[in-house]
Amino acid sequence: IVPSLLKYGTEVQKQRFLPAIVRGECFFGIGMSEPDSGSDLASVRT
């Protein structure tokens, strides 16, 4: 999440999340995989 925020995040997002991650107070997950999609991310149905 850190390198992605630095590359694609807005200033609002960087200010909100990066300091909290550095302090060990903000935890993230990854929302990519879906049922019946396996590793084919192009088939996402969300």
All heavy atoms as atom14 arrays in JSON, in Angstrom:
{
  "sequence": "IVPSLLKYGTEVQKQRFLPAIVRGECFFGIGMSEPDSGSDLASVRT",
  "atom14_mask": [
    [1, 1, 1, 1, 1, 1, 1, 1, 0, 0, 0, 0, 0, 0],
    [1, 1, 1, 1, 1, 1, 1, 0, 0, 0, 0, 0, 0, 0],
    [1, 1, 1, 1, 1, 1, 1, 0, 0, 0, 0, 0, 0, 0],
    [1, 1, 1, 1, 1, 1, 0, 0, 0, 0, 0, 0, 0, 0],
    [1, 1, 1, 1, 1, 1, 1, 1, 0, 0, 0, 0, 0, 0],
    [1, 1, 1, 1, 1, 1, 1, 1, 0, 0, 0, 0, 0, 0],
    [1, 1, 1, 1, 1, 1, 1, 1, 1, 0, 0, 0, 0, 0],
    [1, 1, 1, 1, 1, 1, 1, 1, 1, 1, 1, 1, 0, 0],
    [1, 1, 1, 1, 0, 0, 0, 0, 0, 0, 0, 0, 0, 0],
    [1, 1, 1, 1, 1, 1, 1, 0, 0, 0, 0, 0, 0, 0],
    [1, 1, 1, 1, 1, 1, 1, 1, 1, 0, 0, 0, 0, 0],
    [1, 1, 1, 1, 1, 1, 1, 0, 0, 0, 0, 0, 0, 0],
    [1, 1, 1, 1, 1, 1, 1, 1, 1, 0, 0, 0, 0, 0],
    [1, 1, 1, 1, 1, 1, 1, 1, 1, 0, 0, 0, 0, 0],
    [1, 1, 1, 1, 1, 1, 1, 1, 1, 0, 0, 0, 0, 0],
    [1, 1, 1, 1, 1, 1, 1, 1, 1, 1, 1, 0, 0, 0],
    [1, 1, 1, 1, 1, 1, 1, 1, 1, 1, 1, 0, 0, 0],
    [1, 1, 1, 1, 1, 1, 1, 1, 0, 0, 0, 0, 0, 0],
    [1, 1, 1, 1, 1, 1, 1, 0, 0, 0, 0, 0, 0, 0],
    [1, 1, 1, 1, 1, 0, 0, 0, 0, 0, 0, 0, 0, 0],
    [1, 1, 1, 1, 1, 1, 1, 1, 0, 0, 0, 0, 0, 0],
    [1, 1, 1, 1, 1, 1, 1, 0, 0, 0, 0, 0, 0, 0],
    [1, 1, 1, 1, 1, 1, 1, 1, 1, 1, 1, 0, 0, 0],
    [1, 1, 1, 1, 0, 0, 0, 0, 0, 0, 0, 0, 0, 0],
    [1, 1, 1, 1, 1, 1, 1, 1, 1, 0, 0, 0, 0, 0],
    [1, 1, 1, 1, 1, 1, 0, 0, 0, 0, 0, 0, 0, 0],
    [1, 1, 1, 1, 1, 1, 1, 1, 1, 1, 1, 0, 0, 0],
    [1, 1, 1, 1, 1, 1, 1, 1, 1, 1, 1, 0, 0, 0],
    [1, 1, 1, 1, 0, 0, 0, 0, 0, 0, 0, 0, 0, 0],
    [1, 1, 1, 1, 1, 1, 1, 1, 0, 0, 0, 0, 0, 0],
    [1, 1, 1, 1, 0, 0, 0, 0, 0, 0, 0, 0, 0, 0],
    [1, 1, 1, 1, 1, 1, 1, 1, 0, 0, 0, 0, 0, 0],
    [1, 1, 1, 1, 1, 1, 0, 0, 0, 0, 0, 0, 0, 0],
    [1, 1, 1, 1, 1, 1, 1, 1, 1, 0, 0, 0, 0, 0],
    [1, 1, 1, 1, 1, 1, 1, 0, 0, 0, 0, 0, 0, 0],
    [1, 1, 1, 1, 1, 1, 1, 1, 0, 0, 0, 0, 0, 0],
    [1, 1, 1, 1, 1, 1, 0, 0, 0, 0, 0, 0, 0, 0],
    [1, 1, 1, 1, 0, 0, 0, 0, 0, 0, 0, 0, 0, 0],
    [1, 1, 1, 1, 1, 1, 0, 0, 0, 0, 0, 0, 0, 0],
    [1, 1, 1, 1, 1, 1, 1, 1, 0, 0, 0, 0, 0, 0],
    [1, 1, 1, 1, 1, 1, 1, 1, 0, 0, 0, 0, 0, 0],
    [1, 1, 1, 1, 1, 0, 0, 0, 0, 0, 0, 0, 0, 0],
    [1, 1, 1, 1, 1, 1, 0, 0, 0, 0, 0, 0, 0, 0],
    [1, 1, 1, 1, 1, 1, 1, 0, 0, 0, 0, 0, 0, 0],
    [1, 1, 1, 1, 1, 1, 1, 1, 1, 1, 1, 0, 0, 0],
    [1, 1, 1, 1, 1, 1, 1, 0, 0, 0, 0, 0, 0, 0]
  ],
  "atom14_positions": [
    [[0.83, -1.21, 0.0], [0.0, 0.0, 0.0], [0.86, 1.26, 0.0], [0.56, 2.24, -0.7], [-0.97, 0.0, 1.2], [-1.8, -1.29, 1.2], [-1.86, 1.23, 1.16], [-2.59, -1.54, -0.08], [0.0, 0.0, 0.0], [0.0, 0.0, 0.0], [0.0, 0.0, 0.0], [0.0, 0.0, 0.0], [0.0, 0.0, 0.0], [0.0, 0.0, 0.0]],
    [[1.95, 1.25, 0.75], [2.82, 2.43, 0.8], [3.33, 2.83, -0.58], [3.14, 3.97, -1.01], [3.99, 2.21, 1.79], [5.13, 3.19, 1.52], [3.51, 2.38, 3.22], [0.0, 0.0, 0.0], [0.0, 0.0, 0.0], [0.0, 0.0, 0.0], [0.0, 0.0, 0.0], [0.0, 0.0, 0.0], [0.0, 0.0, 0.0], [0.0, 0.0, 0.0]],
    [[3.99, 1.93, -1.34], [4.47, 2.37, -2.65], [3.35, 2.72, -3.62], [3.5, 3.61, -4.46], [5.29, 1.17, -3.15], [4.83, 0.01, -2.35], [4.43, 0.56, -1.03], [0.0, 0.0, 0.0], [0.0, 0.0, 0.0], [0.0, 0.0, 0.0], [0.0, 0.0, 0.0], [0.0, 0.0, 0.0], [0.0, 0.0, 0.0], [0.0, 0.0, 0.0]],
    [[2.2, 2.06, -3.48], [1.08, 2.37, -4.36], [0.52, 3.76, -4.04], [0.2, 4.53, -4.95], [-0.02, 1.32, -4.2], [0.42, 0.06, -4.67], [0.0, 0.0, 0.0], [0.0, 0.0, 0.0], [0.0, 0.0, 0.0], [0.0, 0.0, 0.0], [0.0, 0.0, 0.0], [0.0, 0.0, 0.0], [0.0, 0.0, 0.0], [0.0, 0.0, 0.0]],
    [[0.4, 4.09, -2.77], [-0.07, 5.42, -2.38], [0.9, 6.5, -2.88], [0.47, 7.55, -3.37], [-0.23, 5.52, -0.87], [-1.49, 4.93, -0.26], [-1.36, 4.85, 1.26], [-2.72, 5.77, -0.63], [0.0, 0.0, 0.0], [0.0, 0.0, 0.0], [0.0, 0.0, 0.0], [0.0, 0.0, 0.0], [0.0, 0.0, 0.0], [0.0, 0.0, 0.0]],
    [[2.17, 6.23, -2.73], [3.15, 7.22, -3.17], [3.1, 7.45, -4.67], [3.34, 8.55, -5.16], [4.56, 6.78, -2.75], [4.85, 6.82, -1.25], [6.19, 6.18, -0.94], [4.83, 8.27, -0.74], [0.0, 0.0, 0.0], [0.0, 0.0, 0.0], [0.0, 0.0, 0.0], [0.0, 0.0, 0.0], [0.0, 0.0, 0.0], [0.0, 0.0, 0.0]],
    [[2.74, 6.4, -5.42], [2.72, 6.49, -6.87], [1.39, 7.0, -7.41], [1.35, 7.82, -8.35], [3.04, 5.13, -7.47], [3.29, 5.15, -8.98], [3.84, 3.82, -9.46], [4.22, 3.86, -10.94], [4.82, 2.58, -11.39], [0.0, 0.0, 0.0], [0.0, 0.0, 0.0], [0.0, 0.0, 0.0], [0.0, 0.0, 0.0], [0.0, 0.0, 0.0]],
    [[0.27, 6.54, -6.82], [-1.03, 6.84, -7.41], [-1.97, 7.61, -6.48], [-3.01, 8.09, -6.92], [-1.74, 5.53, -7.8], [-1.0, 4.72, -8.83], [-0.44, 3.48, -8.51], [-0.87, 5.18, -10.14], [0.25, 2.73, -9.46], [-0.18, 4.45, -11.1], [0.37, 3.22, -10.75], [1.03, 2.49, -11.69], [0.0, 0.0, 0.0], [0.0, 0.0, 0.0]],
    [[-1.64, 7.71, -5.21], [-2.55, 8.33, -4.26], [-2.64, 9.84, -4.4], [-1.69, 10.5, -4.83], [0.0, 0.0, 0.0], [0.0, 0.0, 0.0], [0.0, 0.0, 0.0], [0.0, 0.0, 0.0], [0.0, 0.0, 0.0], [0.0, 0.0, 0.0], [0.0, 0.0, 0.0], [0.0, 0.0, 0.0], [0.0, 0.0, 0.0], [0.0, 0.0, 0.0]],
    [[-3.8, 10.37, -4.02], [-3.97, 11.82, -3.98], [-3.3, 12.37, -2.72], [-2.94, 11.61, -1.81], [-5.46, 12.19, -3.96], [-6.04, 11.71, -2.72], [-6.19, 11.59, -5.14], [0.0, 0.0, 0.0], [0.0, 0.0, 0.0], [0.0, 0.0, 0.0], [0.0, 0.0, 0.0], [0.0, 0.0, 0.0], [0.0, 0.0, 0.0], [0.0, 0.0, 0.0]],
    [[-3.18, 13.67, -2.66], [-2.58, 14.28, -1.47], [-3.42, 13.99, -0.24], [-2.89, 13.72, 0.85], [-2.44, 15.79, -1.68], [-1.62, 16.48, -0.6], [-0.17, 16.01, -0.54], [0.34, 15.52, -1.57], [0.43, 16.12, 0.55], [0.0, 0.0, 0.0], [0.0, 0.0, 0.0], [0.0, 0.0, 0.0], [0.0, 0.0, 0.0], [0.0, 0.0, 0.0]],
    [[-4.74, 14.01, -0.4], [-5.64, 13.69, 0.73], [-5.38, 12.27, 1.22], [-5.28, 12.02, 2.43], [-7.11, 13.86, 0.3], [-8.05, 13.25, 1.35], [-7.44, 15.33, 0.09], [0.0, 0.0, 0.0], [0.0, 0.0, 0.0], [0.0, 0.0, 0.0], [0.0, 0.0, 0.0], [0.0, 0.0, 0.0], [0.0, 0.0, 0.0], [0.0, 0.0, 0.0]],
    [[-5.27, 11.32, 0.3], [-5.04, 9.93, 0.68], [-3.67, 9.74, 1.33], [-3.54, 9.01, 2.33], [-5.18, 9.04, -0.55], [-6.6, 8.99, -1.09], [-6.69, 8.43, -2.5], [-5.66, 8.09, -3.12], [-7.89, 8.32, -3.04], [0.0, 0.0, 0.0], [0.0, 0.0, 0.0], [0.0, 0.0, 0.0], [0.0, 0.0, 0.0], [0.0, 0.0, 0.0]],
    [[-2.66, 10.38, 0.81], [-1.33, 10.26, 1.4], [-1.31, 10.8, 2.82], [-0.75, 10.17, 3.73], [-0.31, 11.0, 0.53], [-0.06, 10.37, -0.83], [0.87, 11.25, -1.66], [1.06, 10.7, -3.05], [1.91, 11.58, -3.9], [0.0, 0.0, 0.0], [0.0, 0.0, 0.0], [0.0, 0.0, 0.0], [0.0, 0.0, 0.0], [0.0, 0.0, 0.0]],
    [[-1.91, 11.97, 3.02], [-1.92, 12.58, 4.34], [-2.72, 11.76, 5.34], [-2.39, 11.7, 6.53], [-2.49, 14.0, 4.26], [-1.65, 14.99, 3.48], [-0.4, 15.42, 4.24], [-0.19, 15.07, 5.39], [0.45, 16.2, 3.57], [0.0, 0.0, 0.0], [0.0, 0.0, 0.0], [0.0, 0.0, 0.0], [0.0, 0.0, 0.0], [0.0, 0.0, 0.0]],
    [[-3.75, 11.12, 4.85], [-4.62, 10.34, 5.75], [-4.0, 9.01, 6.16], [-4.06, 8.63, 7.34], [-5.98, 10.09, 5.09], [-6.9, 9.2, 5.92], [-8.28, 9.11, 5.31], [-9.12, 8.15, 6.01], [-10.39, 7.88, 5.71], [-10.96, 8.52, 4.7], [-11.08, 6.99, 6.39], [0.0, 0.0, 0.0], [0.0, 0.0, 0.0], [0.0, 0.0, 0.0]],
    [[-3.4, 8.31, 5.2], [-2.99, 6.93, 5.48], [-1.51, 6.74, 5.78], [-1.15, 5.92, 6.62], [-3.38, 6.03, 4.3], [-4.86, 5.92, 4.09], [-5.46, 6.46, 2.95], [-5.68, 5.28, 5.02], [-6.83, 6.36, 2.75], [-7.04, 5.19, 4.83], [-7.63, 5.73, 3.7], [0.0, 0.0, 0.0], [0.0, 0.0, 0.0], [0.0, 0.0, 0.0]],
    [[-0.63, 7.47, 5.09], [0.8, 7.2, 5.24], [1.31, 7.41, 6.66], [2.01, 6.53, 7.2], [1.6, 8.02, 4.23], [1.46, 7.58, 2.77], [2.2, 8.54, 1.84], [2.0, 6.16, 2.57], [0.0, 0.0, 0.0], [0.0, 0.0, 0.0], [0.0, 0.0, 0.0], [0.0, 0.0, 0.0], [0.0, 0.0, 0.0], [0.0, 0.0, 0.0]],
    [[1.01, 8.55, 7.32], [1.51, 8.7, 8.69], [1.0, 7.61, 9.63], [1.74, 7.16, 10.52], [0.98, 10.09, 9.1], [0.77, 10.82, 7.81], [0.31, 9.77, 6.85], [0.0, 0.0, 0.0], [0.0, 0.0, 0.0], [0.0, 0.0, 0.0], [0.0, 0.0, 0.0], [0.0, 0.0, 0.0], [0.0, 0.0, 0.0], [0.0, 0.0, 0.0]],
    [[-0.26, 7.18, 9.45], [-0.82, 6.14, 10.32], [-0.14, 4.8, 10.07], [0.08, 4.02, 11.01], [-2.32, 6.04, 10.09], [0.0, 0.0, 0.0], [0.0, 0.0, 0.0], [0.0, 0.0, 0.0], [0.0, 0.0, 0.0], [0.0, 0.0, 0.0], [0.0, 0.0, 0.0], [0.0, 0.0, 0.0], [0.0, 0.0, 0.0], [0.0, 0.0, 0.0]],
    [[0.2, 4.5, 8.81], [0.92, 3.26, 8.52], [2.3, 3.3, 9.15], [2.76, 2.31, 9.74], [1.01, 3.05, 6.99], [-0.38, 2.73, 6.41], [1.99, 1.92, 6.66], [-0.41, 2.7, 4.88], [0.0, 0.0, 0.0], [0.0, 0.0, 0.0], [0.0, 0.0, 0.0], [0.0, 0.0, 0.0], [0.0, 0.0, 0.0], [0.0, 0.0, 0.0]],
    [[2.98, 4.42, 9.03], [4.32, 4.57, 9.62], [4.28, 4.36, 11.13], [5.19, 3.75, 11.72], [4.9, 5.96, 9.28], [6.18, 6.21, 10.06], [5.14, 6.09, 7.79], [0.0, 0.0, 0.0], [0.0, 0.0, 0.0], [0.0, 0.0, 0.0], [0.0, 0.0, 0.0], [0.0, 0.0, 0.0], [0.0, 0.0, 0.0], [0.0, 0.0, 0.0]],
    [[3.2, 4.81, 11.78], [3.08, 4.66, 13.23], [2.6, 3.27, 13.64], [2.5, 2.97, 14.83], [2.09, 5.71, 13.78], [2.53, 7.15, 13.64], [1.66, 8.06, 14.5], [0.24, 7.96, 14.14], [-0.38, 8.73, 13.23], [0.33, 9.66, 12.59], [-1.66, 8.59, 12.97], [0.0, 0.0, 0.0], [0.0, 0.0, 0.0], [0.0, 0.0, 0.0]],
    [[2.3, 2.43, 12.67], [1.81, 1.09, 12.99], [0.39, 1.09, 13.5], [-0.01, 0.22, 14.28], [0.0, 0.0, 0.0], [0.0, 0.0, 0.0], [0.0, 0.0, 0.0], [0.0, 0.0, 0.0], [0.0, 0.0, 0.0], [0.0, 0.0, 0.0], [0.0, 0.0, 0.0], [0.0, 0.0, 0.0], [0.0, 0.0, 0.0], [0.0, 0.0, 0.0]],
    [[-0.42, 2.04, 13.03], [-1.78, 2.2, 13.52], [-2.83, 1.97, 12.44], [-4.03, 2.06, 12.72], [-1.96, 3.61, 14.1], [-1.06, 3.89, 15.3], [-1.1, 5.35, 15.72], [-1.79, 6.15, 15.03], [-0.45, 5.68, 16.73], [0.0, 0.0, 0.0], [0.0, 0.0, 0.0], [0.0, 0.0, 0.0], [0.0, 0.0, 0.0], [0.0, 0.0, 0.0]],
    [[-2.42, 1.69, 11.2], [-3.35, 1.51, 10.1], [-2.97, 0.26, 9.32], [-1.84, 0.15, 8.83], [-3.36, 2.74, 9.19], [-4.53, 2.64, 7.82], [0.0, 0.0, 0.0], [0.0, 0.0, 0.0], [0.0, 0.0, 0.0], [0.0, 0.0, 0.0], [0.0, 0.0, 0.0], [0.0, 0.0, 0.0], [0.0, 0.0, 0.0], [0.0, 0.0, 0.0]],
    [[-3.91, -0.67, 9.21], [-3.65, -1.96, 8.56], [-4.56, -2.12, 7.35], [-5.73, -1.76, 7.38], [-3.88, -3.1, 9.55], [-3.21, -2.89, 10.88], [-3.92, -2.95, 12.07], [-1.85, -2.6, 10.95], [-3.3, -2.73, 13.29], [-1.21, -2.38, 12.16], [-1.94, -2.45, 13.34], [0.0, 0.0, 0.0], [0.0, 0.0, 0.0], [0.0, 0.0, 0.0]],
    [[-4.0, -2.68, 6.3], [-4.71, -2.82, 5.02], [-4.81, -4.29, 4.6], [-4.01, -5.13, 5.0], [-3.97, -2.07, 3.91], [-4.44, -0.67, 3.69], [-4.05, 0.36, 4.54], [-5.28, -0.36, 2.62], [-4.47, 1.66, 4.33], [-5.7, 0.93, 2.4], [-5.31, 1.96, 3.25], [0.0, 0.0, 0.0], [0.0, 0.0, 0.0], [0.0, 0.0, 0.0]],
    [[-5.81, -4.55, 3.77], [-5.92, -5.81, 3.06], [-5.87, -5.55, 1.56], [-5.71, -4.41, 1.12], [0.0, 0.0, 0.0], [0.0, 0.0, 0.0], [0.0, 0.0, 0.0], [0.0, 0.0, 0.0], [0.0, 0.0, 0.0], [0.0, 0.0, 0.0], [0.0, 0.0, 0.0], [0.0, 0.0, 0.0], [0.0, 0.0, 0.0], [0.0, 0.0, 0.0]],
    [[-6.03, -6.63, 0.77], [-6.0, -6.53, -0.69], [-7.33, -7.05, -1.23], [-7.74, -8.18, -0.91], [-4.85, -7.37, -1.28], [-3.51, -6.9, -0.72], [-4.84, -7.27, -2.8], [-2.35, -7.81, -1.07], [0.0, 0.0, 0.0], [0.0, 0.0, 0.0], [0.0, 0.0, 0.0], [0.0, 0.0, 0.0], [0.0, 0.0, 0.0], [0.0, 0.0, 0.0]],
    [[-8.0, -6.27, -2.05], [-9.29, -6.66, -2.6], [-9.2, -6.97, -4.08], [-9.77, -6.24, -4.91], [0.0, 0.0, 0.0], [0.0, 0.0, 0.0], [0.0, 0.0, 0.0], [0.0, 0.0, 0.0], [0.0, 0.0, 0.0], [0.0, 0.0, 0.0], [0.0, 0.0, 0.0], [0.0, 0.0, 0.0], [0.0, 0.0, 0.0], [0.0, 0.0, 0.0]],
    [[-8.5, -8.02, -4.44], [-8.34, -8.39, -5.85], [-9.11, -9.67, -6.19], [-9.99, -9.67, -7.03], [-6.86, -8.57, -6.19], [-6.05, -7.3, -6.18], [-4.36, -7.63, -6.77], [-3.55, -6.1, -6.35], [0.0, 0.0, 0.0], [0.0, 0.0, 0.0], [0.0, 0.0, 0.0], [0.0, 0.0, 0.0], [0.0, 0.0, 0.0], [0.0, 0.0, 0.0]],
    [[-8.76, -10.78, -5.54], [-9.3, -12.09, -5.92], [-10.81, -12.17, -5.71], [-11.35, -11.57, -4.78], [-8.61, -13.19, -5.11], [-7.23, -13.22, -5.35], [0.0, 0.0, 0.0], [0.0, 0.0, 0.0], [0.0, 0.0, 0.0], [0.0, 0.0, 0.0], [0.0, 0.0, 0.0], [0.0, 0.0, 0.0], [0.0, 0.0, 0.0], [0.0, 0.0, 0.0]],
    [[-11.45, -12.99, -6.56], [-12.9, -13.18, -6.48], [-13.25, -14.65, -6.66], [-12.45, -15.41, -7.21], [-13.62, -12.34, -7.54], [-13.46, -10.85, -7.34], [-14.42, -10.03, -8.19], [-15.24, -10.64, -8.92], [-14.36, -8.8, -8.1], [0.0, 0.0, 0.0], [0.0, 0.0, 0.0], [0.0, 0.0, 0.0], [0.0, 0.0, 0.0], [0.0, 0.0, 0.0]],
    [[-14.43, -15.07, -6.21], [-14.84, -16.46, -6.42], [-14.86, -16.81, -7.91], [-15.3, -16.0, -8.73], [-16.26, -16.5, -5.83], [-16.32, -15.35, -4.88], [-15.44, -14.29, -5.46], [0.0, 0.0, 0.0], [0.0, 0.0, 0.0], [0.0, 0.0, 0.0], [0.0, 0.0, 0.0], [0.0, 0.0, 0.0], [0.0, 0.0, 0.0], [0.0, 0.0, 0.0]],
    [[-14.38, -17.99, -8.22], [-14.41, -18.54, -9.58], [-13.53, -17.77, -10.57], [-13.59, -18.03, -11.78], [-15.84, -18.58, -10.14], [-16.78, -19.36, -9.25], [-16.36, -20.42, -8.74], [-17.92, -18.92, -9.04], [0.0, 0.0, 0.0], [0.0, 0.0, 0.0], [0.0, 0.0, 0.0], [0.0, 0.0, 0.0], [0.0, 0.0, 0.0], [0.0, 0.0, 0.0]],
    [[-12.72, -16.84, -10.08], [-11.86, -16.07, -10.98], [-10.41, -16.53, -10.95], [-9.65, -16.22, -11.86], [-11.93, -14.58, -10.63], [-13.2, -14.06, -10.93], [0.0, 0.0, 0.0], [0.0, 0.0, 0.0], [0.0, 0.0, 0.0], [0.0, 0.0, 0.0], [0.0, 0.0, 0.0], [0.0, 0.0, 0.0], [0.0, 0.0, 0.0], [0.0, 0.0, 0.0]],
    [[-10.03, -17.23, -9.88], [-8.64, -17.66, -9.77], [-7.69, -16.47, -9.85], [-7.89, -15.45, -9.2], [0.0, 0.0, 0.0], [0.0, 0.0, 0.0], [0.0, 0.0, 0.0], [0.0, 0.0, 0.0], [0.0, 0.0, 0.0], [0.0, 0.0, 0.0], [0.0, 0.0, 0.0], [0.0, 0.0, 0.0], [0.0, 0.0, 0.0], [0.0, 0.0, 0.0]],
    [[-6.68, -16.6, -10.67], [-5.69, -15.52, -10.84], [-6.01, -14.64, -12.03], [-5.21, -13.78, -12.4], [-4.29, -16.12, -11.0], [-3.88, -16.79, -9.83], [0.0, 0.0, 0.0], [0.0, 0.0, 0.0], [0.0, 0.0, 0.0], [0.0, 0.0, 0.0], [0.0, 0.0, 0.0], [0.0, 0.0, 0.0], [0.0, 0.0, 0.0], [0.0, 0.0, 0.0]],
    [[-7.19, -14.83, -12.64], [-7.58, -14.04, -13.81], [-8.26, -12.76, -13.34], [-9.49, -12.67, -13.28], [-8.51, -14.86, -14.7], [-8.91, -14.1, -15.96], [-8.29, -13.06, -16.25], [-9.85, -14.55, -16.64], [0.0, 0.0, 0.0], [0.0, 0.0, 0.0], [0.0, 0.0, 0.0], [0.0, 0.0, 0.0], [0.0, 0.0, 0.0], [0.0, 0.0, 0.0]],
    [[-7.47, -11.76, -13.01], [-8.03, -10.52, -12.46], [-8.9, -9.77, -13.46], [-9.76, -8.98, -13.07], [-6.9, -9.61, -11.98], [-6.11, -10.12, -10.76], [-5.02, -9.12, -10.39], [-7.01, -10.37, -9.58], [0.0, 0.0, 0.0], [0.0, 0.0, 0.0], [0.0, 0.0, 0.0], [0.0, 0.0, 0.0], [0.0, 0.0, 0.0], [0.0, 0.0, 0.0]],
    [[-8.68, -10.02, -14.74], [-9.5, -9.32, -15.74], [-10.96, -9.77, -15.7], [-11.83, -9.11, -16.26], [-8.93, -9.55, -17.14], [0.0, 0.0, 0.0], [0.0, 0.0, 0.0], [0.0, 0.0, 0.0], [0.0, 0.0, 0.0], [0.0, 0.0, 0.0], [0.0, 0.0, 0.0], [0.0, 0.0, 0.0], [0.0, 0.0, 0.0], [0.0, 0.0, 0.0]],
    [[-11.23, -10.91, -15.02], [-12.59, -11.44, -14.99], [-13.38, -10.98, -13.76], [-14.44, -11.53, -13.49], [-12.55, -12.98, -15.02], [-11.99, -13.48, -13.81], [0.0, 0.0, 0.0], [0.0, 0.0, 0.0], [0.0, 0.0, 0.0], [0.0, 0.0, 0.0], [0.0, 0.0, 0.0], [0.0, 0.0, 0.0], [0.0, 0.0, 0.0], [0.0, 0.0, 0.0]],
    [[-12.86, -10.0, -13.02], [-13.56, -9.56, -11.81], [-14.99, -9.13, -12.14], [-15.25, -8.51, -13.17], [-12.81, -8.41, -11.1], [-11.44, -8.85, -10.63], [-12.71, -7.18, -11.97], [0.0, 0.0, 0.0], [0.0, 0.0, 0.0], [0.0, 0.0, 0.0], [0.0, 0.0, 0.0], [0.0, 0.0, 0.0], [0.0, 0.0, 0.0], [0.0, 0.0, 0.0]],
    [[-15.89, -9.47, -11.21], [-17.31, -9.15, -11.39], [-17.8, -8.09, -10.42], [-18.96, -7.68, -10.5], [-18.14, -10.42, -11.26], [-17.92, -11.38, -12.44], [-18.71, -12.66, -12.28], [-18.15, -13.49, -11.23], [-18.61, -14.72, -10.92], [-19.63, -15.22, -11.57], [-18.04, -15.42, -9.97], [0.0, 0.0, 0.0], [0.0, 0.0, 0.0], [0.0, 0.0, 0.0]],
    [[-16.97, -7.67, -9.48], [-17.36, -6.58, -8.6], [-17.58, -5.33, -9.43], [-16.73, -4.96, -10.25], [-16.27, -6.32, -7.53], [-16.16, -7.47, -6.7], [-16.6, -5.11, -6.68], [0.0, 0.0, 0.0], [0.0, 0.0, 0.0], [0.0, 0.0, 0.0], [0.0, 0.0, 0.0], [0.0, 0.0, 0.0], [0.0, 0.0, 0.0], [0.0, 0.0, 0.0]]
  ]
}
